[in-house]
């Protein structure tokens, strides 16, 4: 991507990815929180606010999630159905 670039409509909506790792899950989550806080994107909207909310959720931080977690989380936090 570059300044002035227009994302074609036939591409996957994922145009970038942030990956964080650490010696422990807690360290990786801390690094991811920092990376998201420092992330800057002008133009297209991103899912950064959702990821930040997930990283602030006590259930997620404790590892208490399953395949239904994200849908319930979105309903609880963002009122999306």
PDB file of N, CA and C in Angstrom:
ATOM      1  N   UNK A   1       0.836  -1.171   0.000  1.00  0.00           N
ATOM      2  CA  UNK A   1       0.000   0.000   0.000  1.00  0.00           C
ATOM      3  C   UNK A   1       0.885   1.240   0.000  1.00  0.00           C
ATOM      4  N   UNK A   2       0.344   2.297  -0.493  1.00  0.00           N
ATOM      5  CA  UNK A   2       1.059   3.562  -0.527  1.00  0.00           C
ATOM      6  C   UNK A   2       0.029   4.681  -0.532  1.00  0.00           C
ATOM      7  N   UNK A   3       0.482   5.882  -0.297  1.00  0.00           N
ATOM      8  CA  UNK A   3      -0.402   7.042  -0.264  1.00  0.00           C
ATOM      9  C   UNK A   3      -1.164   7.152  -1.582  1.00  0.00           C
ATOM     10  N   UNK A   4      -2.471   7.275  -1.495  1.00  0.00           N
ATOM     11  CA  UNK A   4      -3.300   7.400  -2.682  1.00  0.00           C
ATOM     12  C   UNK A   4      -3.789   6.077  -3.246  1.00  0.00           C
ATOM     13  N   UNK A   5      -3.289   4.956  -2.724  1.00  0.00           N
ATOM     14  CA  UNK A   5      -3.690   3.634  -3.211  1.00  0.00           C
ATOM     15  C   UNK A   5      -5.158   3.386  -2.905  1.00  0.00           C
ATOM     16  N   UNK A   6      -5.874   2.811  -3.838  1.00  0.00           N
ATOM     17  CA  UNK A   6      -7.262   2.428  -3.619  1.00  0.00           C
ATOM     18  C   UNK A   6      -7.333   0.906  -3.610  1.00  0.00           C
ATOM     19  N   UNK A   7      -7.904   0.369  -2.553  1.00  0.00           N
ATOM     20  CA  UNK A   7      -8.002  -1.090  -2.409  1.00  0.00           C
ATOM     21  C   UNK A   7      -9.095  -1.596  -3.344  1.00  0.00           C
ATOM     22  N   UNK A   8      -8.738  -2.470  -4.287  1.00  0.00           N
ATOM     23  CA  UNK A   8      -9.744  -3.011  -5.210  1.00  0.00           C
ATOM     24  C   UNK A   8     -10.805  -3.813  -4.451  1.00  0.00           C
ATOM     25  N   UNK A   9     -12.045  -3.764  -4.895  1.00  0.00           N
ATOM     26  CA  UNK A   9     -13.126  -4.440  -4.172  1.00  0.00           C
ATOM     27  C   UNK A   9     -13.062  -5.965  -4.229  1.00  0.00           C
ATOM     28  N   UNK A  10     -12.273  -6.551  -5.131  1.00  0.00           N
ATOM     29  CA  UNK A  10     -12.227  -8.003  -5.247  1.00  0.00           C
ATOM     30  C   UNK A  10     -11.104  -8.631  -4.445  1.00  0.00           C
ATOM     31  N   UNK A  11     -10.472  -7.882  -3.579  1.00  0.00           N
ATOM     32  CA  UNK A  11      -9.442  -8.442  -2.706  1.00  0.00           C
ATOM     33  C   UNK A  11     -10.013  -8.726  -1.337  1.00  0.00           C
ATOM     34  N   UNK A  12      -9.398  -9.664  -0.643  1.00  0.00           N
ATOM     35  CA  UNK A  12      -9.752  -9.941   0.742  1.00  0.00           C
ATOM     36  C   UNK A  12      -9.653  -8.646   1.526  1.00  0.00           C
ATOM     37  N   UNK A  13     -10.550  -8.467   2.461  1.00  0.00           N
ATOM     38  CA  UNK A  13     -10.544  -7.231   3.234  1.00  0.00           C
ATOM     39  C   UNK A  13      -9.327  -7.131   4.157  1.00  0.00           C
ATOM     40  N   UNK A  14      -8.602  -8.228   4.348  1.00  0.00           N
ATOM     41  CA  UNK A  14      -7.415  -8.169   5.192  1.00  0.00           C
ATOM     42  C   UNK A  14      -6.229  -7.681   4.367  1.00  0.00           C
ATOM     43  N   UNK A  15      -5.845  -6.453   4.604  1.00  0.00           N
ATOM     44  CA  UNK A  15      -4.726  -5.884   3.859  1.00  0.00           C
ATOM     45  C   UNK A  15      -3.472  -5.795   4.714  1.00  0.00           C
ATOM     46  N   UNK A  16      -3.582  -6.181   5.951  1.00  0.00           N
ATOM     47  CA  UNK A  16      -2.423  -6.176   6.844  1.00  0.00           C
ATOM     48  C   UNK A  16      -2.712  -7.022   8.070  1.00  0.00           C
ATOM     49  N   UNK A  17      -1.670  -7.399   8.760  1.00  0.00           N
ATOM     50  CA  UNK A  17      -1.820  -8.256   9.933  1.00  0.00           C
ATOM     51  C   UNK A  17      -0.775  -7.847  10.963  1.00  0.00           C
ATOM     52  N   UNK A  18      -1.185  -7.821  12.219  1.00  0.00           N
ATOM     53  CA  UNK A  18      -0.249  -7.581  13.319  1.00  0.00           C
ATOM     54  C   UNK A  18      -0.115  -8.896  14.079  1.00  0.00           C
ATOM     55  N   UNK A  19       1.101  -9.336  14.277  1.00  0.00           N
ATOM     56  CA  UNK A  19       1.364 -10.565  15.024  1.00  0.00           C
ATOM     57  C   UNK A  19       2.268 -10.212  16.193  1.00  0.00           C
ATOM     58  N   UNK A  20       1.914 -10.695  17.370  1.00  0.00           N
ATOM     59  CA  UNK A  20       2.748 -10.473  18.553  1.00  0.00           C
ATOM     60  C   UNK A  20       3.087 -11.828  19.161  1.00  0.00           C
ATOM     61  N   UNK A  21       4.278 -11.950  19.679  1.00  0.00           N
ATOM     62  CA  UNK A  21       4.678 -13.185  20.340  1.00  0.00           C
ATOM     63  C   UNK A  21       5.419 -12.834  21.612  1.00  0.00           C
ATOM     64  N   UNK A  22       5.514 -13.812  22.482  1.00  0.00           N
ATOM     65  CA  UNK A  22       6.232 -13.624  23.726  1.00  0.00           C
ATOM     66  C   UNK A  22       6.572 -14.970  24.315  1.00  0.00           C
ATOM     67  N   UNK A  23       7.351 -14.973  25.383  1.00  0.00           N
ATOM     68  CA  UNK A  23       7.711 -16.231  26.033  1.00  0.00           C
ATOM     69  C   UNK A  23       6.511 -16.840  26.730  1.00  0.00           C
ATOM     70  N   UNK A  24       5.545 -15.992  27.100  1.00  0.00           N
ATOM     71  CA  UNK A  24       4.308 -16.456  27.728  1.00  0.00           C
ATOM     72  C   UNK A  24       3.130 -15.818  26.996  1.00  0.00           C
ATOM     73  N   UNK A  25       1.949 -16.346  27.232  1.00  0.00           N
ATOM     74  CA  UNK A  25       0.743 -15.753  26.652  1.00  0.00           C
ATOM     75  C   UNK A  25       0.584 -14.318  27.149  1.00  0.00           C
ATOM     76  N   UNK A  26       0.817 -14.107  28.433  1.00  0.00           N
ATOM     77  CA  UNK A  26       0.676 -12.769  29.011  1.00  0.00           C
ATOM     78  C   UNK A  26       1.616 -11.776  28.332  1.00  0.00           C
ATOM     79  N   UNK A  27       2.843 -12.198  28.069  1.00  0.00           N
ATOM     80  CA  UNK A  27       3.801 -11.315  27.399  1.00  0.00           C
ATOM     81  C   UNK A  27       3.342 -11.006  25.977  1.00  0.00           C
ATOM     82  N   UNK A  28       2.844 -12.004  25.275  1.00  0.00           N
ATOM     83  CA  UNK A  28       2.354 -11.786  23.912  1.00  0.00           C
ATOM     84  C   UNK A  28       1.156 -10.842  23.910  1.00  0.00           C
ATOM     85  N   UNK A  29       0.257 -10.989  24.873  1.00  0.00           N
ATOM     86  CA  UNK A  29      -0.903 -10.109  24.958  1.00  0.00           C
ATOM     87  C   UNK A  29      -0.485  -8.671  25.265  1.00  0.00           C
ATOM     88  N   UNK A  30       0.493  -8.511  26.126  1.00  0.00           N
ATOM     89  CA  UNK A  30       1.002  -7.176  26.440  1.00  0.00           C
ATOM     90  C   UNK A  30       1.622  -6.538  25.206  1.00  0.00           C
ATOM     91  N   UNK A  31       2.399  -7.303  24.474  1.00  0.00           N
ATOM     92  CA  UNK A  31       3.018  -6.789  23.248  1.00  0.00           C
ATOM     93  C   UNK A  31       1.966  -6.431  22.200  1.00  0.00           C
ATOM     94  N   UNK A  32       0.922  -7.259  22.105  1.00  0.00           N
ATOM     95  CA  UNK A  32      -0.144  -6.976  21.155  1.00  0.00           C
ATOM     96  C   UNK A  32      -0.883  -5.696  21.545  1.00  0.00           C
ATOM     97  N   UNK A  33      -1.135  -5.508  22.822  1.00  0.00           N
ATOM     98  CA  UNK A  33      -1.799  -4.286  23.276  1.00  0.00           C
ATOM     99  C   UNK A  33      -0.988  -3.058  22.883  1.00  0.00           C
ATOM    100  N   UNK A  34       0.307  -3.139  23.081  1.00  0.00           N
ATOM    101  CA  UNK A  34       1.162  -2.006  22.720  1.00  0.00           C
ATOM    102  C   UNK A  34       1.174  -1.786  21.214  1.00  0.00           C
ATOM    103  N   UNK A  35       1.283  -2.850  20.455  1.00  0.00           N
ATOM    104  CA  UNK A  35       1.298  -2.722  18.998  1.00  0.00           C
ATOM    105  C   UNK A  35       0.003  -2.085  18.496  1.00  0.00           C
ATOM    106  N   UNK A  36      -1.124  -2.484  19.056  1.00  0.00           N
ATOM    107  CA  UNK A  36      -2.399  -1.908  18.639  1.00  0.00           C
ATOM    108  C   UNK A  36      -2.504  -0.440  19.042  1.00  0.00           C
ATOM    109  N   UNK A  37      -1.979  -0.106  20.203  1.00  0.00           N
ATOM    110  CA  UNK A  37      -2.007   1.288  20.658  1.00  0.00           C
ATOM    111  C   UNK A  37      -1.167   2.182  19.756  1.00  0.00           C
ATOM    112  N   UNK A  38      -0.098   1.636  19.196  1.00  0.00           N
ATOM    113  CA  UNK A  38       0.808   2.415  18.346  1.00  0.00           C
ATOM    114  C   UNK A  38       0.430   2.366  16.864  1.00  0.00           C
ATOM    115  N   UNK A  39      -0.512   1.503  16.507  1.00  0.00           N
ATOM    116  CA  UNK A  39      -0.901   1.317  15.112  1.00  0.00           C
ATOM    117  C   UNK A  39      -1.617   2.551  14.578  1.00  0.00           C
ATOM    118  N   UNK A  40      -1.242   2.993  13.394  1.00  0.00           N
ATOM    119  CA  UNK A  40      -1.878   4.134  12.736  1.00  0.00           C
ATOM    120  C   UNK A  40      -2.276   3.734  11.317  1.00  0.00           C
ATOM    121  N   UNK A  41      -3.542   3.974  11.001  1.00  0.00           N
ATOM    122  CA  UNK A  41      -4.037   3.702   9.649  1.00  0.00           C
ATOM    123  C   UNK A  41      -4.941   4.858   9.264  1.00  0.00           C
ATOM    124  N   UNK A  42      -4.658   5.460   8.134  1.00  0.00           N
ATOM    125  CA  UNK A  42      -5.482   6.540   7.625  1.00  0.00           C
ATOM    126  C   UNK A  42      -6.215   6.004   6.410  1.00  0.00           C
ATOM    127  N   UNK A  43      -7.503   6.187   6.388  1.00  0.00           N
ATOM    128  CA  UNK A  43      -8.288   5.729   5.245  1.00  0.00           C
ATOM    129  C   UNK A  43      -9.246   4.644   5.656  1.00  0.00           C
ATOM    130  N   UNK A  44      -8.938   3.405   5.293  1.00  0.00           N
ATOM    131  CA  UNK A  44      -9.898   2.333   5.574  1.00  0.00           C
ATOM    132  C   UNK A  44     -10.090   2.127   7.073  1.00  0.00           C
ATOM    133  N   UNK A  45     -11.303   1.738   7.431  1.00  0.00           N
ATOM    134  CA  UNK A  45     -11.543   1.411   8.834  1.00  0.00           C
ATOM    135  C   UNK A  45     -10.874   0.075   9.142  1.00  0.00           C
ATOM    136  N   UNK A  46     -10.618  -0.172  10.423  1.00  0.00           N
ATOM    137  CA  UNK A  46      -9.925  -1.392  10.840  1.00  0.00           C
ATOM    138  C   UNK A  46     -10.694  -2.072  11.965  1.00  0.00           C
ATOM    139  N   UNK A  47     -10.244  -3.251  12.317  1.00  0.00           N
ATOM    140  CA  UNK A  47     -10.817  -3.973  13.457  1.00  0.00           C
ATOM    141  C   UNK A  47      -9.985  -3.751  14.720  1.00  0.00           C
ATOM    142  N   UNK A  48      -9.094  -2.768  14.706  1.00  0.00           N
ATOM    143  CA  UNK A  48      -8.259  -2.481  15.873  1.00  0.00           C
ATOM    144  C   UNK A  48      -9.103  -2.237  17.120  1.00  0.00           C
ATOM    145  N   UNK A  49     -10.201  -1.461  17.070  1.00  0.00           N
ATOM    146  CA  UNK A  49     -10.994  -1.265  18.283  1.00  0.00           C
ATOM    147  C   UNK A  49     -11.557  -2.580  18.857  1.00  0.00           C
ATOM    148  N   UNK A  50     -11.915  -3.501  17.989  1.00  0.00           N
ATOM    149  CA  UNK A  50     -12.412  -4.805  18.462  1.00  0.00           C
ATOM    150  C   UNK A  50     -11.286  -5.562  19.150  1.00  0.00           C
ATOM    151  N   UNK A  51     -10.112  -5.585  18.543  1.00  0.00           N
ATOM    152  CA  UNK A  51      -8.975  -6.287  19.148  1.00  0.00           C
ATOM    153  C   UNK A  51      -8.595  -5.656  20.481  1.00  0.00           C
ATOM    154  N   UNK A  52      -8.626  -4.339  20.566  1.00  0.00           N
ATOM    155  CA  UNK A  52      -8.309  -3.669  21.827  1.00  0.00           C
ATOM    156  C   UNK A  52      -9.340  -4.006  22.905  1.00  0.00           C
ATOM    157  N   UNK A  53     -10.598  -4.058  22.527  1.00  0.00           N
ATOM    158  CA  UNK A  53     -11.639  -4.425  23.488  1.00  0.00           C
ATOM    159  C   UNK A  53     -11.464  -5.868  23.957  1.00  0.00           C
ATOM    160  N   UNK A  54     -11.101  -6.759  23.036  1.00  0.00           N
ATOM    161  CA  UNK A  54     -10.834  -8.155  23.416  1.00  0.00           C
ATOM    162  C   UNK A  54      -9.699  -8.232  24.431  1.00  0.00           C
ATOM    163  N   UNK A  55      -8.650  -7.461  24.179  1.00  0.00           N
ATOM    164  CA  UNK A  55      -7.494  -7.484  25.073  1.00  0.00           C
ATOM    165  C   UNK A  55      -7.771  -6.827  26.420  1.00  0.00           C
ATOM    166  N   UNK A  56      -8.897  -6.156  26.542  1.00  0.00           N
ATOM    167  CA  UNK A  56      -9.297  -5.558  27.817  1.00  0.00           C
ATOM    168  C   UNK A  56     -10.341  -6.408  28.536  1.00  0.00           C
ATOM    169  N   UNK A  57     -10.787  -7.474  27.889  1.00  0.00           N
ATOM    170  CA  UNK A  57     -11.835  -8.324  28.455  1.00  0.00           C
ATOM    171  C   UNK A  57     -11.228  -9.347  29.420  1.00  0.00           C
ATOM    172  N   UNK A  58     -11.690  -9.335  30.648  1.00  0.00           N
ATOM    173  CA  UNK A  58     -11.135 -10.221  31.682  1.00  0.00           C
ATOM    174  C   UNK A  58     -11.282 -11.692  31.312  1.00  0.00           C
ATOM    175  N   UNK A  59     -12.405 -12.063  30.701  1.00  0.00           N
ATOM    176  CA  UNK A  59     -12.607 -13.476  30.313  1.00  0.00           C
ATOM    177  C   UNK A  59     -11.560 -13.904  29.297  1.00  0.00           C
ATOM    178  N   UNK A  60     -11.311 -13.047  28.302  1.00  0.00           N
ATOM    179  CA  UNK A  60     -10.323 -13.363  27.280  1.00  0.00           C
ATOM    180  C   UNK A  60      -8.923 -13.448  27.894  1.00  0.00           C
ATOM    181  N   UNK A  61      -8.609 -12.499  28.754  1.00  0.00           N
ATOM    182  CA  UNK A  61      -7.294 -12.495  29.387  1.00  0.00           C
ATOM    183  C   UNK A  61      -7.058 -13.740  30.230  1.00  0.00           C
ATOM    184  N   UNK A  62      -8.122 -14.260  30.854  1.00  0.00           N
ATOM    185  CA  UNK A  62      -8.005 -15.488  31.653  1.00  0.00           C
ATOM    186  C   UNK A  62      -8.004 -16.749  30.788  1.00  0.00           C
ATOM    187  N   UNK A  63      -8.248 -16.582  29.486  1.00  0.00           N
ATOM    188  CA  UNK A  63      -8.285 -17.738  28.588  1.00  0.00           C
ATOM    189  C   UNK A  63      -9.618 -18.456  28.610  1.00  0.00           C
ATOM    190  N   UNK A  64     -10.649 -17.772  29.067  1.00  0.00           N
ATOM    191  CA  UNK A  64     -11.989 -18.367  29.170  1.00  0.00           C
ATOM    192  C   UNK A  64     -12.809 -18.022  27.932  1.00  0.00           C
ATOM    193  N   UNK A  65     -12.524 -18.707  26.846  1.00  0.00           N
ATOM    194  CA  UNK A  65     -13.262 -18.465  25.618  1.00  0.00           C
ATOM    195  C   UNK A  65     -13.377 -19.773  24.846  1.00  0.00           C
ATOM    196  N   UNK A  66     -14.339 -19.786  23.927  1.00  0.00           N
ATOM    197  CA  UNK A  66     -14.567 -20.955  23.075  1.00  0.00           C
ATOM    198  C   UNK A  66     -15.022 -20.445  21.705  1.00  0.00           C
ATOM    199  N   UNK A  67     -15.516 -21.333  20.878  1.00  0.00           N
ATOM    200  CA  UNK A  67     -15.873 -20.938  19.514  1.00  0.00           C
ATOM    201  C   UNK A  67     -17.062 -19.973  19.470  1.00  0.00           C
ATOM    202  N   UNK A  68     -17.862 -19.915  20.508  1.00  0.00           N
ATOM    203  CA  UNK A  68     -19.003 -18.997  20.543  1.00  0.00           C
ATOM    204  C   UNK A  68     -18.643 -17.658  21.188  1.00  0.00           C
ATOM    205  N   UNK A  69     -17.434 -17.546  21.702  1.00  0.00           N
ATOM    206  CA  UNK A  69     -17.056 -16.367  22.478  1.00  0.00           C
ATOM    207  C   UNK A  69     -17.154 -15.068  21.693  1.00  0.00           C
ATOM    208  N   UNK A  70     -16.604 -15.023  20.490  1.00  0.00           N
ATOM    209  CA  UNK A  70     -16.538 -13.769  19.745  1.00  0.00           C
ATOM    210  C   UNK A  70     -17.932 -13.219  19.433  1.00  0.00           C
ATOM    211  N   UNK A  71     -18.842 -14.082  19.031  1.00  0.00           N
ATOM    212  CA  UNK A  71     -20.203 -13.615  18.741  1.00  0.00           C
ATOM    213  C   UNK A  71     -20.844 -13.022  19.997  1.00  0.00           C
ATOM    214  N   UNK A  72     -20.715 -13.703  21.124  1.00  0.00           N
ATOM    215  CA  UNK A  72     -21.276 -13.200  22.373  1.00  0.00           C
ATOM    216  C   UNK A  72     -20.575 -11.908  22.793  1.00  0.00           C
ATOM    217  N   UNK A  73     -19.268 -11.881  22.664  1.00  0.00           N
ATOM    218  CA  UNK A  73     -18.489 -10.689  22.995  1.00  0.00           C
ATOM    219  C   UNK A  73     -18.966  -9.490  22.176  1.00  0.00           C
ATOM    220  N   UNK A  74     -19.129  -9.681  20.879  1.00  0.00           N
ATOM    221  CA  UNK A  74     -19.582  -8.592  20.018  1.00  0.00           C
ATOM    222  C   UNK A  74     -20.958  -8.098  20.435  1.00  0.00           C
ATOM    223  N   UNK A  75     -21.833  -9.020  20.796  1.00  0.00           N
ATOM    224  CA  UNK A  75     -23.159  -8.628  21.271  1.00  0.00           C
ATOM    225  C   UNK A  75     -23.080  -7.874  22.587  1.00  0.00           C
ATOM    226  N   UNK A  76     -22.231  -8.339  23.487  1.00  0.00           N
ATOM    227  CA  UNK A  76     -22.086  -7.703  24.803  1.00  0.00           C
ATOM    228  C   UNK A  76     -21.427  -6.330  24.712  1.00  0.00           C
ATOM    229  N   UNK A  77     -20.392  -6.226  23.915  1.00  0.00           N
ATOM    230  CA  UNK A  77     -19.565  -5.017  23.901  1.00  0.00           C
ATOM    231  C   UNK A  77     -19.963  -4.032  22.795  1.00  0.00           C
ATOM    232  N   UNK A  78     -20.273  -4.540  21.632  1.00  0.00           N
ATOM    233  CA  UNK A  78     -20.548  -3.664  20.501  1.00  0.00           C
ATOM    234  C   UNK A  78     -22.004  -3.702  20.047  1.00  0.00           C
ATOM    235  N   UNK A  79     -22.817  -4.494  20.698  1.00  0.00           N
ATOM    236  CA  UNK A  79     -24.249  -4.615  20.385  1.00  0.00           C
ATOM    237  C   UNK A  79     -24.472  -4.930  18.914  1.00  0.00           C
ATOM    238  N   UNK A  80     -23.689  -5.874  18.418  1.00  0.00           N
ATOM    239  CA  UNK A  80     -23.816  -6.308  17.030  1.00  0.00           C
ATOM    240  C   UNK A  80     -24.431  -7.686  17.031  1.00  0.00           C
ATOM    241  N   UNK A  81     -25.394  -7.896  16.163  1.00  0.00           N
ATOM    242  CA  UNK A  81     -25.980  -9.243  16.090  1.00  0.00           C
ATOM    243  C   UNK A  81     -25.799  -9.839  14.727  1.00  0.00           C
TER     244      UNK A  81
END
